[in-house]
Amino acid sequence: MSFANAPRAGLGRRMAAWVYDFMVALAVYMLAGSLLFGLFAALLSFGLIDDQGLPHASDVLQASVLWSALNELGKLSAVIALFVWSWSRSGQTLGMRAWRLRVQRRDGGLMGIKQGLYRVLYAFGGLANLSLLWDDDGLAMHDRLSGSEVVQLSLEQNREIMERRKGR
């Protein structure tokens, strides 16, 4: 399924989808944080991590630069995985689906995992979309650097993607 001829999406739709996706990403970040904290607390209770004489697992986590960094890295990795998985599977996140947007390679095909990772790294949390303000081709900075584009789909095209996802 290729949408090579679909028009590129403008800043307004991209930012509307970003708001939706921010809420989903925040939920994933919090869920990952809960799971990681549970794992950390379990390791602490089994004595696999030194409690440093502190009374609570949260105190131990905050007191350790290493464990705090690993905790943050784990939460951010979960959010990155959400985006890369969504883009490589259907070209759409939840917010993109709601606003009928699709991210794809410039030839209209789905991005791979490596290309998705590059896109996430170049996006700066979505702020790179602002580069559309001075770009006449409808390509944001992270689109250019990752060899991707965001297109606006018709209702029929969006339904086609949804039907294919249900058939998997």
N, C-alpha and C. Protein backbone atom coordinates (compact mmCIF):
# COMPACT_ATOMS: atom_id res chain seq x y z
N MET A 1 0.85 -1.16 0.00
CA MET A 1 0.00 0.00 0.00
C MET A 1 0.90 1.23 0.00
N SER A 2 0.80 2.02 -1.04
CA SER A 2 1.65 3.19 -1.18
C SER A 2 0.79 4.45 -1.32
N PHE A 3 1.21 5.50 -0.68
CA PHE A 3 0.52 6.78 -0.76
C PHE A 3 1.49 7.85 -1.27
N ALA A 4 2.24 7.50 -2.31
CA ALA A 4 3.27 8.37 -2.84
C ALA A 4 2.71 9.68 -3.38
N ASN A 5 1.46 9.69 -3.79
CA ASN A 5 0.87 10.91 -4.38
C ASN A 5 0.04 11.71 -3.40
N ALA A 6 0.00 11.31 -2.16
CA ALA A 6 -0.78 12.05 -1.16
C ALA A 6 -0.10 13.39 -0.87
N PRO A 7 -0.89 14.42 -0.62
CA PRO A 7 -0.28 15.73 -0.33
C PRO A 7 0.41 15.75 1.03
N ARG A 8 1.47 16.51 1.13
CA ARG A 8 2.20 16.62 2.40
C ARG A 8 1.36 17.41 3.41
N ALA A 9 1.47 17.00 4.64
CA ALA A 9 0.69 17.60 5.72
C ALA A 9 1.29 18.93 6.17
N GLY A 10 0.42 19.84 6.54
CA GLY A 10 0.85 21.14 7.03
C GLY A 10 1.11 21.13 8.53
N LEU A 11 1.59 22.25 9.01
CA LEU A 11 1.97 22.39 10.41
C LEU A 11 0.78 22.23 11.35
N GLY A 12 -0.36 22.78 11.01
CA GLY A 12 -1.54 22.72 11.88
C GLY A 12 -1.95 21.30 12.21
N ARG A 13 -2.10 20.47 11.20
CA ARG A 13 -2.50 19.08 11.41
C ARG A 13 -1.41 18.31 12.16
N ARG A 14 -0.18 18.58 11.83
CA ARG A 14 0.92 17.89 12.52
C ARG A 14 0.92 18.23 14.00
N MET A 15 0.70 19.48 14.34
CA MET A 15 0.72 19.88 15.74
C MET A 15 -0.52 19.34 16.47
N ALA A 16 -1.65 19.26 15.80
CA ALA A 16 -2.84 18.67 16.42
C ALA A 16 -2.58 17.20 16.74
N ALA A 17 -1.98 16.48 15.81
CA ALA A 17 -1.63 15.08 16.05
C ALA A 17 -0.59 14.97 17.17
N TRP A 18 0.33 15.93 17.20
CA TRP A 18 1.37 15.93 18.24
C TRP A 18 0.73 16.01 19.63
N VAL A 19 -0.32 16.82 19.79
CA VAL A 19 -0.99 16.94 21.10
C VAL A 19 -1.55 15.58 21.52
N TYR A 20 -2.23 14.90 20.62
CA TYR A 20 -2.75 13.56 20.91
C TYR A 20 -1.61 12.63 21.28
N ASP A 21 -0.58 12.62 20.45
CA ASP A 21 0.53 11.69 20.66
C ASP A 21 1.31 12.01 21.94
N PHE A 22 1.36 13.28 22.31
CA PHE A 22 2.02 13.65 23.56
C PHE A 22 1.32 13.00 24.74
N MET A 23 -0.02 12.99 24.72
CA MET A 23 -0.77 12.38 25.82
C MET A 23 -0.53 10.87 25.88
N VAL A 24 -0.50 10.23 24.72
CA VAL A 24 -0.23 8.79 24.68
C VAL A 24 1.20 8.52 25.15
N ALA A 25 2.15 9.32 24.68
CA ALA A 25 3.54 9.14 25.07
C ALA A 25 3.72 9.35 26.58
N LEU A 26 3.01 10.30 27.13
CA LEU A 26 3.08 10.55 28.57
C LEU A 26 2.55 9.33 29.34
N ALA A 27 1.46 8.75 28.86
CA ALA A 27 0.91 7.56 29.51
C ALA A 27 1.90 6.39 29.43
N VAL A 28 2.53 6.20 28.28
CA VAL A 28 3.51 5.13 28.13
C VAL A 28 4.71 5.38 29.04
N TYR A 29 5.14 6.62 29.12
CA TYR A 29 6.26 7.01 29.98
C TYR A 29 5.94 6.67 31.44
N MET A 30 4.72 7.01 31.87
CA MET A 30 4.31 6.74 33.24
C MET A 30 4.16 5.25 33.51
N LEU A 31 3.61 4.51 32.57
CA LEU A 31 3.47 3.07 32.73
C LEU A 31 4.84 2.40 32.82
N ALA A 32 5.74 2.80 31.92
CA ALA A 32 7.10 2.26 31.96
C ALA A 32 7.77 2.61 33.28
N GLY A 33 7.55 3.81 33.77
CA GLY A 33 8.12 4.22 35.05
C GLY A 33 7.60 3.36 36.19
N SER A 34 6.31 3.05 36.17
CA SER A 34 5.74 2.19 37.21
C SER A 34 6.34 0.80 37.17
N LEU A 35 6.44 0.24 35.97
CA LEU A 35 7.00 -1.10 35.82
C LEU A 35 8.48 -1.14 36.23
N LEU A 36 9.22 -0.14 35.81
CA LEU A 36 10.64 -0.09 36.16
C LEU A 36 10.84 0.12 37.66
N PHE A 37 9.98 0.94 38.26
CA PHE A 37 10.10 1.15 39.70
C PHE A 37 9.75 -0.13 40.45
N GLY A 38 8.75 -0.86 39.98
CA GLY A 38 8.41 -2.14 40.59
C GLY A 38 9.56 -3.13 40.51
N LEU A 39 10.21 -3.18 39.37
CA LEU A 39 11.38 -4.03 39.20
C LEU A 39 12.51 -3.61 40.13
N PHE A 40 12.74 -2.30 40.20
CA PHE A 40 13.79 -1.78 41.08
C PHE A 40 13.49 -2.12 42.53
N ALA A 41 12.24 -1.93 42.95
CA ALA A 41 11.86 -2.23 44.34
C ALA A 41 12.02 -3.72 44.63
N ALA A 42 11.69 -4.56 43.66
CA ALA A 42 11.86 -6.01 43.86
C ALA A 42 13.33 -6.36 44.01
N LEU A 43 14.17 -5.81 43.16
CA LEU A 43 15.61 -6.07 43.26
C LEU A 43 16.16 -5.59 44.59
N LEU A 44 15.66 -4.46 45.05
CA LEU A 44 16.08 -3.90 46.33
C LEU A 44 15.64 -4.80 47.49
N SER A 45 14.41 -5.30 47.42
CA SER A 45 13.90 -6.14 48.52
C SER A 45 14.61 -7.49 48.58
N PHE A 46 15.09 -7.98 47.46
CA PHE A 46 15.83 -9.24 47.44
C PHE A 46 17.31 -9.04 47.80
N GLY A 47 17.69 -7.80 48.05
CA GLY A 47 19.06 -7.51 48.44
C GLY A 47 20.04 -7.47 47.28
N LEU A 48 19.52 -7.43 46.05
CA LEU A 48 20.40 -7.38 44.87
C LEU A 48 20.92 -5.96 44.61
N ILE A 49 20.29 -4.99 45.24
CA ILE A 49 20.73 -3.60 45.17
C ILE A 49 20.88 -3.11 46.62
N ASP A 50 21.97 -2.44 46.90
CA ASP A 50 22.24 -1.92 48.25
C ASP A 50 21.29 -0.76 48.56
N ASP A 51 20.64 -0.82 49.71
CA ASP A 51 19.69 0.25 50.06
C ASP A 51 20.37 1.49 50.63
N GLN A 52 21.67 1.47 50.81
CA GLN A 52 22.48 2.60 51.27
C GLN A 52 21.97 3.19 52.58
N GLY A 53 21.23 2.37 53.34
CA GLY A 53 20.70 2.83 54.62
C GLY A 53 19.50 3.74 54.49
N LEU A 54 18.96 3.86 53.30
CA LEU A 54 17.79 4.73 53.08
C LEU A 54 16.50 3.94 53.27
N PRO A 55 15.46 4.60 53.80
CA PRO A 55 14.24 3.87 54.19
C PRO A 55 13.33 3.43 53.04
N HIS A 56 13.32 4.15 51.92
CA HIS A 56 12.36 3.85 50.85
C HIS A 56 13.08 3.62 49.52
N ALA A 57 12.46 2.80 48.68
CA ALA A 57 13.03 2.50 47.36
C ALA A 57 13.17 3.77 46.53
N SER A 58 12.22 4.68 46.66
CA SER A 58 12.31 5.93 45.87
C SER A 58 13.51 6.76 46.30
N ASP A 59 13.84 6.72 47.60
CA ASP A 59 15.02 7.44 48.09
C ASP A 59 16.30 6.84 47.51
N VAL A 60 16.35 5.52 47.47
CA VAL A 60 17.53 4.83 46.93
C VAL A 60 17.68 5.16 45.45
N LEU A 61 16.58 5.13 44.72
CA LEU A 61 16.61 5.43 43.29
C LEU A 61 17.09 6.85 43.04
N GLN A 62 16.57 7.80 43.78
CA GLN A 62 16.97 9.20 43.60
C GLN A 62 18.40 9.47 44.03
N ALA A 63 18.90 8.71 45.00
CA ALA A 63 20.25 8.92 45.50
C ALA A 63 21.33 8.37 44.57
N SER A 64 20.94 7.51 43.64
CA SER A 64 21.92 6.88 42.76
C SER A 64 21.85 7.47 41.36
N VAL A 65 22.94 8.05 40.93
CA VAL A 65 23.00 8.61 39.58
C VAL A 65 22.82 7.50 38.54
N LEU A 66 23.46 6.35 38.77
CA LEU A 66 23.38 5.24 37.83
C LEU A 66 21.96 4.72 37.69
N TRP A 67 21.31 4.41 38.83
CA TRP A 67 19.95 3.86 38.76
C TRP A 67 18.94 4.89 38.24
N SER A 68 19.13 6.14 38.59
CA SER A 68 18.24 7.19 38.07
C SER A 68 18.38 7.32 36.56
N ALA A 69 19.64 7.28 36.09
CA ALA A 69 19.87 7.38 34.64
C ALA A 69 19.29 6.17 33.90
N LEU A 70 19.49 4.97 34.46
CA LEU A 70 18.92 3.78 33.83
C LEU A 70 17.39 3.82 33.82
N ASN A 71 16.81 4.33 34.89
CA ASN A 71 15.36 4.48 34.98
C ASN A 71 14.84 5.42 33.88
N GLU A 72 15.47 6.57 33.75
CA GLU A 72 15.05 7.53 32.71
C GLU A 72 15.26 6.97 31.31
N LEU A 73 16.39 6.32 31.10
CA LEU A 73 16.67 5.70 29.81
C LEU A 73 15.62 4.65 29.46
N GLY A 74 15.22 3.88 30.43
CA GLY A 74 14.19 2.87 30.20
C GLY A 74 12.85 3.48 29.82
N LYS A 75 12.47 4.56 30.51
CA LYS A 75 11.19 5.22 30.21
C LYS A 75 11.23 5.86 28.83
N LEU A 76 12.32 6.53 28.51
CA LEU A 76 12.44 7.15 27.18
C LEU A 76 12.49 6.10 26.08
N SER A 77 13.13 4.98 26.35
CA SER A 77 13.18 3.89 25.36
C SER A 77 11.79 3.35 25.07
N ALA A 78 10.94 3.28 26.09
CA ALA A 78 9.57 2.81 25.89
C ALA A 78 8.80 3.77 24.98
N VAL A 79 8.98 5.06 25.17
CA VAL A 79 8.30 6.05 24.33
C VAL A 79 8.83 5.99 22.89
N ILE A 80 10.14 5.90 22.74
CA ILE A 80 10.74 5.79 21.41
C ILE A 80 10.24 4.54 20.71
N ALA A 81 10.18 3.44 21.44
CA ALA A 81 9.70 2.18 20.86
C ALA A 81 8.25 2.31 20.38
N LEU A 82 7.43 3.03 21.14
CA LEU A 82 6.04 3.26 20.73
C LEU A 82 5.97 3.93 19.36
N PHE A 83 6.74 4.99 19.18
CA PHE A 83 6.71 5.72 17.92
C PHE A 83 7.28 4.89 16.77
N VAL A 84 8.44 4.30 16.98
CA VAL A 84 9.08 3.53 15.91
C VAL A 84 8.21 2.34 15.52
N TRP A 85 7.64 1.66 16.50
CA TRP A 85 6.76 0.52 16.23
C TRP A 85 5.53 0.97 15.43
N SER A 86 4.92 2.07 15.83
CA SER A 86 3.73 2.57 15.13
C SER A 86 4.06 2.96 13.69
N TRP A 87 5.15 3.68 13.51
CA TRP A 87 5.52 4.13 12.17
C TRP A 87 5.91 2.98 11.26
N SER A 88 6.60 1.99 11.78
CA SER A 88 7.04 0.89 10.92
C SER A 88 5.92 -0.11 10.67
N ARG A 89 4.89 -0.11 11.49
CA ARG A 89 3.78 -1.04 11.34
C ARG A 89 2.72 -0.53 10.37
N SER A 90 2.32 0.75 10.55
CA SER A 90 1.25 1.29 9.71
C SER A 90 1.53 2.70 9.21
N GLY A 91 2.59 3.32 9.72
CA GLY A 91 2.88 4.70 9.34
C GLY A 91 2.11 5.71 10.16
N GLN A 92 1.37 5.22 11.16
CA GLN A 92 0.53 6.12 11.95
C GLN A 92 0.62 5.83 13.44
N THR A 93 0.69 6.91 14.21
CA THR A 93 0.49 6.84 15.65
C THR A 93 -0.99 7.07 15.89
N LEU A 94 -1.42 7.01 17.13
CA LEU A 94 -2.83 7.25 17.43
C LEU A 94 -3.26 8.65 17.02
N GLY A 95 -2.43 9.64 17.33
CA GLY A 95 -2.74 11.02 16.95
C GLY A 95 -2.76 11.21 15.44
N MET A 96 -1.85 10.56 14.75
CA MET A 96 -1.80 10.66 13.29
C MET A 96 -3.04 10.02 12.66
N ARG A 97 -3.48 8.93 13.26
CA ARG A 97 -4.68 8.25 12.76
C ARG A 97 -5.89 9.18 12.90
N ALA A 98 -6.01 9.85 14.05
CA ALA A 98 -7.13 10.74 14.29
C ALA A 98 -7.15 11.92 13.31
N TRP A 99 -5.98 12.40 12.92
CA TRP A 99 -5.89 13.55 12.03
C TRP A 99 -5.58 13.15 10.59
N ARG A 100 -5.71 11.86 10.30
CA ARG A 100 -5.52 11.31 8.94
C ARG A 100 -4.15 11.68 8.35
N LEU A 101 -3.13 11.45 9.15
CA LEU A 101 -1.76 11.67 8.70
C LEU A 101 -1.03 10.33 8.64
N ARG A 102 -0.01 10.29 7.84
CA ARG A 102 0.81 9.08 7.73
C ARG A 102 2.25 9.51 7.48
N VAL A 103 3.18 8.91 8.21
CA VAL A 103 4.60 9.14 7.95
C VAL A 103 5.08 7.96 7.11
N GLN A 104 5.89 8.27 6.12
CA GLN A 104 6.33 7.24 5.17
C GLN A 104 7.66 7.64 4.55
N ARG A 105 8.25 6.66 3.87
CA ARG A 105 9.43 6.97 3.05
C ARG A 105 8.95 7.89 1.92
N ARG A 106 9.88 8.56 1.29
CA ARG A 106 9.49 9.48 0.21
C ARG A 106 8.90 8.78 -1.00
N ASP A 107 9.16 7.47 -1.14
CA ASP A 107 8.57 6.72 -2.26
C ASP A 107 7.18 6.18 -1.91
N GLY A 108 6.70 6.49 -0.71
CA GLY A 108 5.35 6.10 -0.30
C GLY A 108 5.30 4.83 0.54
N GLY A 109 6.41 4.13 0.70
CA GLY A 109 6.42 2.89 1.48
C GLY A 109 6.58 3.15 2.97
N LEU A 110 6.37 2.11 3.76
CA LEU A 110 6.54 2.22 5.20
C LEU A 110 8.01 2.36 5.57
N MET A 111 8.26 3.12 6.61
CA MET A 111 9.62 3.25 7.12
C MET A 111 10.02 1.98 7.87
N GLY A 112 11.30 1.71 7.89
CA GLY A 112 11.83 0.61 8.69
C GLY A 112 12.19 1.11 10.08
N ILE A 113 12.63 0.20 10.90
CA ILE A 113 12.97 0.54 12.28
C ILE A 113 14.14 1.52 12.34
N LYS A 114 15.17 1.28 11.55
CA LYS A 114 16.34 2.17 11.56
C LYS A 114 15.95 3.60 11.15
N GLN A 115 15.15 3.71 10.10
CA GLN A 115 14.72 5.03 9.64
C GLN A 115 13.84 5.70 10.70
N GLY A 116 13.00 4.91 11.38
CA GLY A 116 12.16 5.44 12.45
C GLY A 116 12.98 5.96 13.61
N LEU A 117 14.06 5.24 13.95
CA LEU A 117 14.94 5.70 15.02
C LEU A 117 15.60 7.02 14.65
N TYR A 118 16.06 7.13 13.42
CA TYR A 118 16.65 8.39 12.97
C TYR A 118 15.62 9.52 13.08
N ARG A 119 14.39 9.24 12.65
CA ARG A 119 13.34 10.26 12.69
C ARG A 119 13.10 10.73 14.12
N VAL A 120 13.03 9.80 15.06
CA VAL A 120 12.82 10.17 16.46
C VAL A 120 13.97 11.04 16.96
N LEU A 121 15.19 10.65 16.65
CA LEU A 121 16.34 11.40 17.13
C LEU A 121 16.40 12.81 16.56
N TYR A 122 15.99 12.97 15.31
CA TYR A 122 16.04 14.29 14.67
C TYR A 122 14.83 15.16 14.99
N ALA A 123 13.79 14.58 15.59
CA ALA A 123 12.53 15.32 15.80
C ALA A 123 12.58 16.28 16.99
N PHE A 124 13.49 16.07 17.92
CA PHE A 124 13.59 16.91 19.12
C PHE A 124 12.24 17.05 19.82
N GLY A 125 11.57 15.92 20.03
CA GLY A 125 10.28 15.91 20.72
C GLY A 125 9.16 16.57 19.94
N GLY A 126 9.31 16.70 18.66
CA GLY A 126 8.29 17.32 17.81
C GLY A 126 8.57 18.77 17.47
N LEU A 127 9.55 19.36 18.13
CA LEU A 127 9.87 20.77 17.86
C LEU A 127 10.39 20.98 16.44
N ALA A 128 10.95 19.95 15.83
CA ALA A 128 11.47 20.09 14.46
C ALA A 128 10.35 20.39 13.47
N ASN A 129 9.10 20.13 13.85
CA ASN A 129 7.98 20.48 12.98
C ASN A 129 7.91 21.98 12.71
N LEU A 130 8.42 22.76 13.63
CA LEU A 130 8.39 24.22 13.44
C LEU A 130 9.21 24.67 12.25
N SER A 131 10.13 23.83 11.79
CA SER A 131 10.92 24.18 10.61
C SER A 131 10.04 24.25 9.35
N LEU A 132 8.81 23.78 9.43
CA LEU A 132 7.87 23.92 8.31
C LEU A 132 7.52 25.38 8.04
N LEU A 133 7.72 26.23 9.04
CA LEU A 133 7.41 27.64 8.87
C LEU A 133 8.25 28.31 7.78
N TRP A 134 9.44 27.78 7.53
CA TRP A 134 10.29 28.36 6.49
C TRP A 134 10.64 27.38 5.38
N ASP A 135 9.95 26.26 5.32
CA ASP A 135 10.22 25.27 4.28
C ASP A 135 9.09 25.28 3.25
N ASP A 136 9.43 25.50 1.99
CA ASP A 136 8.42 25.58 0.94
C ASP A 136 8.01 24.22 0.39
N ASP A 137 8.77 23.16 0.70
CA ASP A 137 8.47 21.83 0.17
C ASP A 137 7.58 21.01 1.08
N GLY A 138 7.21 21.51 2.26
CA GLY A 138 6.39 20.75 3.19
C GLY A 138 7.14 19.66 3.91
N LEU A 139 8.46 19.80 3.98
CA LEU A 139 9.29 18.82 4.69
C LEU A 139 9.93 19.49 5.90
N ALA A 140 9.66 18.96 7.07
CA ALA A 140 10.29 19.46 8.28
C ALA A 140 11.72 18.95 8.35
N MET A 141 12.49 19.50 9.27
CA MET A 141 13.89 19.12 9.39
C MET A 141 14.06 17.61 9.57
N HIS A 142 13.27 17.01 10.45
CA HIS A 142 13.41 15.57 10.69
C HIS A 142 12.91 14.74 9.51
N ASP A 143 12.02 15.30 8.70
CA ASP A 143 11.62 14.62 7.46
C ASP A 143 12.82 14.53 6.52
N ARG A 144 13.45 15.67 6.33
CA ARG A 144 14.61 15.72 5.41
C ARG A 144 15.75 14.81 5.87
N LEU A 145 16.09 14.92 7.16
CA LEU A 145 17.24 14.17 7.67
C LEU A 145 17.00 12.66 7.72
N SER A 146 15.74 12.25 7.86
CA SER A 146 15.45 10.82 7.94
C SER A 146 14.93 10.25 6.62
N GLY A 147 14.80 11.08 5.59
CA GLY A 147 14.31 10.60 4.30
C GLY A 147 12.84 10.20 4.34
N SER A 148 12.06 10.91 5.14
CA SER A 148 10.64 10.59 5.28
C SER A 148 9.79 11.82 4.96
N GLU A 149 8.49 11.61 4.99
CA GLU A 149 7.55 12.72 4.80
C GLU A 149 6.27 12.37 5.55
N VAL A 150 5.51 13.40 5.90
CA VAL A 150 4.20 13.20 6.52
C VAL A 150 3.17 13.67 5.51
N VAL A 151 2.24 12.78 5.19
CA VAL A 151 1.22 13.10 4.20
C VAL A 151 -0.15 13.11 4.85
N GLN A 152 -1.05 13.86 4.22
CA GLN A 152 -2.44 13.91 4.67
C GLN A 152 -3.25 12.94 3.82
N LEU A 153 -3.98 12.06 4.48
CA LEU A 153 -4.76 11.04 3.79
C LEU A 153 -6.21 11.46 3.63
N SER A 154 -6.83 10.91 2.62
CA SER A 154 -8.28 11.09 2.48
C SER A 154 -8.96 10.15 3.47
N LEU A 155 -10.26 10.32 3.65
CA LEU A 155 -11.00 9.42 4.53
C LEU A 155 -10.87 7.97 4.06
N GLU A 156 -10.95 7.77 2.75
CA GLU A 156 -10.88 6.42 2.18
C GLU A 156 -9.51 5.79 2.44
N GLN A 157 -8.46 6.57 2.24
CA GLN A 157 -7.11 6.05 2.47
C GLN A 157 -6.91 5.68 3.94
N ASN A 158 -7.41 6.53 4.83
CA ASN A 158 -7.29 6.25 6.26
C ASN A 158 -8.06 4.98 6.63
N ARG A 159 -9.25 4.82 6.07
CA ARG A 159 -10.04 3.60 6.32
C ARG A 159 -9.32 2.37 5.78
N GLU A 160 -8.67 2.50 4.63
CA GLU A 160 -7.94 1.38 4.05
C GLU A 160 -6.84 0.90 5.00
N ILE A 161 -6.13 1.83 5.61
CA ILE A 161 -5.10 1.46 6.58
C ILE A 161 -5.73 0.75 7.77
N MET A 162 -6.85 1.27 8.25
CA MET A 162 -7.52 0.66 9.40
C MET A 162 -7.99 -0.76 9.07
N GLU A 163 -8.53 -0.96 7.88
CA GLU A 163 -9.00 -2.28 7.48
C GLU A 163 -7.85 -3.26 7.39
N ARG A 164 -6.75 -2.82 6.86
CA ARG A 164 -5.57 -3.70 6.76
C ARG A 164 -5.04 -4.07 8.13
N ARG A 165 -5.10 -3.14 9.07
CA ARG A 165 -4.64 -3.43 10.43
C ARG A 165 -5.54 -4.46 11.09
N LYS A 166 -6.84 -4.38 10.84
CA LYS A 166 -7.77 -5.34 11.42
C LYS A 166 -7.54 -6.73 10.83
N GLY A 167 -7.13 -6.79 9.58
CA GLY A 167 -6.91 -8.06 8.91
C GLY A 167 -5.64 -8.77 9.32
N ARG A 168 -4.76 -8.09 10.02
CA ARG A 168 -3.48 -8.71 10.43
C ARG A 168 -3.67 -9.76 11.47
